[in-house]
C-alpha atoms as a PDB file:
ATOM      1  CA  MET A   1       1.654   1.211  -3.278  1.00  0.00           C
ATOM      2  CA  VAL A   2       4.749   2.328  -5.133  1.00  0.00           C
ATOM      3  CA  ARG A   3       3.196   3.603  -8.360  1.00  0.00           C
ATOM      4  CA  VAL A   4       1.243   6.843  -7.804  1.00  0.00           C
ATOM      5  CA  GLN A   5      -2.127   7.330  -9.514  1.00  0.00           C
ATOM      6  CA  ARG A   6      -5.033   9.506  -8.841  1.00  0.00           C
ATOM      7  CA  ARG A   7      -6.892   7.689  -6.093  1.00  0.00           C
ATOM      8  CA  GLY A   8     -10.197   7.457  -7.998  1.00  0.00           C
ATOM      9  CA  THR A   9      -8.569   6.212 -11.155  1.00  0.00           C
ATOM     10  CA  ALA A  10      -6.755   3.339  -9.447  1.00  0.00           C
ATOM     11  CA  LEU A  11      -9.801   2.333  -7.400  1.00  0.00           C
ATOM     12  CA  GLN A  12     -12.090   2.322 -10.460  1.00  0.00           C
ATOM     13  CA  THR A  13      -9.614   0.321 -12.480  1.00  0.00           C
ATOM     14  CA  LEU A  14      -9.401  -2.292  -9.749  1.00  0.00           C
ATOM     15  CA  PHE A  15     -13.140  -2.175  -8.905  1.00  0.00           C
ATOM     16  CA  LEU A  16     -12.299  -1.639  -5.177  1.00  0.00           C
ATOM     17  CA  SER A  17     -13.632   0.751  -2.641  1.00  0.00           C
ATOM     18  CA  GLU A  18     -11.381   3.141  -0.812  1.00  0.00           C
ATOM     19  CA  LYS A  19     -12.104   1.326   2.452  1.00  0.00           C
ATOM     20  CA  THR A  20     -11.090  -1.986   0.992  1.00  0.00           C
ATOM     21  CA  VAL A  21      -7.751  -0.573  -0.206  1.00  0.00           C
ATOM     22  CA  ARG A  22      -7.123   0.915   3.231  1.00  0.00           C
ATOM     23  CA  ASN A  23      -7.797  -2.471   4.883  1.00  0.00           C
ATOM     24  CA  TYR A  24      -5.453  -4.253   2.370  1.00  0.00           C
ATOM     25  CA  VAL A  25      -2.673  -1.681   3.077  1.00  0.00           C
ATOM     26  CA  SER A  26      -3.200  -2.144   6.780  1.00  0.00           C
ATOM     27  CA  MET A  27      -2.852  -5.869   6.510  1.00  0.00           C
ATOM     28  CA  VAL A  28       0.303  -5.612   4.450  1.00  0.00           C
ATOM     29  CA  LEU A  29       1.873  -3.213   6.981  1.00  0.00           C
ATOM     30  CA  VAL A  30       1.071  -5.660   9.849  1.00  0.00           C
ATOM     31  CA  LYS A  31       2.647  -8.579   7.916  1.00  0.00           C
ATOM     32  CA  LEU A  32       5.732  -6.502   7.238  1.00  0.00           C
ATOM     33  CA  GLY A  33       5.912  -5.510  10.947  1.00  0.00           C
ATOM     34  CA  VAL A  34       5.908  -1.826  10.146  1.00  0.00           C
ATOM     35  CA  THR A  35       3.626   1.025  11.157  1.00  0.00           C
ATOM     36  CA  SER A  36       3.594   3.262   8.037  1.00  0.00           C
ATOM     37  CA  ARG A  37       3.886   3.228   4.281  1.00  0.00           C
ATOM     38  CA  THR A  38       7.138   5.117   4.646  1.00  0.00           C
ATOM     39  CA  ALA A  39       8.535   2.370   6.892  1.00  0.00           C
ATOM     40  CA  ALA A  40       7.302  -0.203   4.370  1.00  0.00           C
ATOM     41  CA  ALA A  41       9.173   1.600   1.555  1.00  0.00           C
ATOM     42  CA  LEU A  42      12.372   1.725   3.659  1.00  0.00           C
ATOM     43  CA  ALA A  43      12.052  -1.967   4.465  1.00  0.00           C
ATOM     44  CA  ALA A  44      11.651  -2.778   0.760  1.00  0.00           C
ATOM     45  CA  ARG A  45      14.690  -0.597  -0.070  1.00  0.00           C
ATOM     46  CA  ASP A  46      16.729  -2.361   2.613  1.00  0.00           C
ATOM     47  CA  ALA A  47      15.670  -5.729   1.291  1.00  0.00           C
ATOM     48  CA  GLY A  48      16.872  -4.740  -2.243  1.00  0.00           C
ATOM     49  CA  LEU A  49      13.399  -4.593  -3.778  1.00  0.00           C
END
């Protein structure tokens, strides 16, 4: 999530559909207990990552 690539390039490289990636991101956000990618980035920063 941190490294920015063009969406199509990253998905093709990983052989994943956009829907699959959205589902994975949603699951990560739930496990972190946050509601957005921004909140996840702030939580990572606060944790020293």
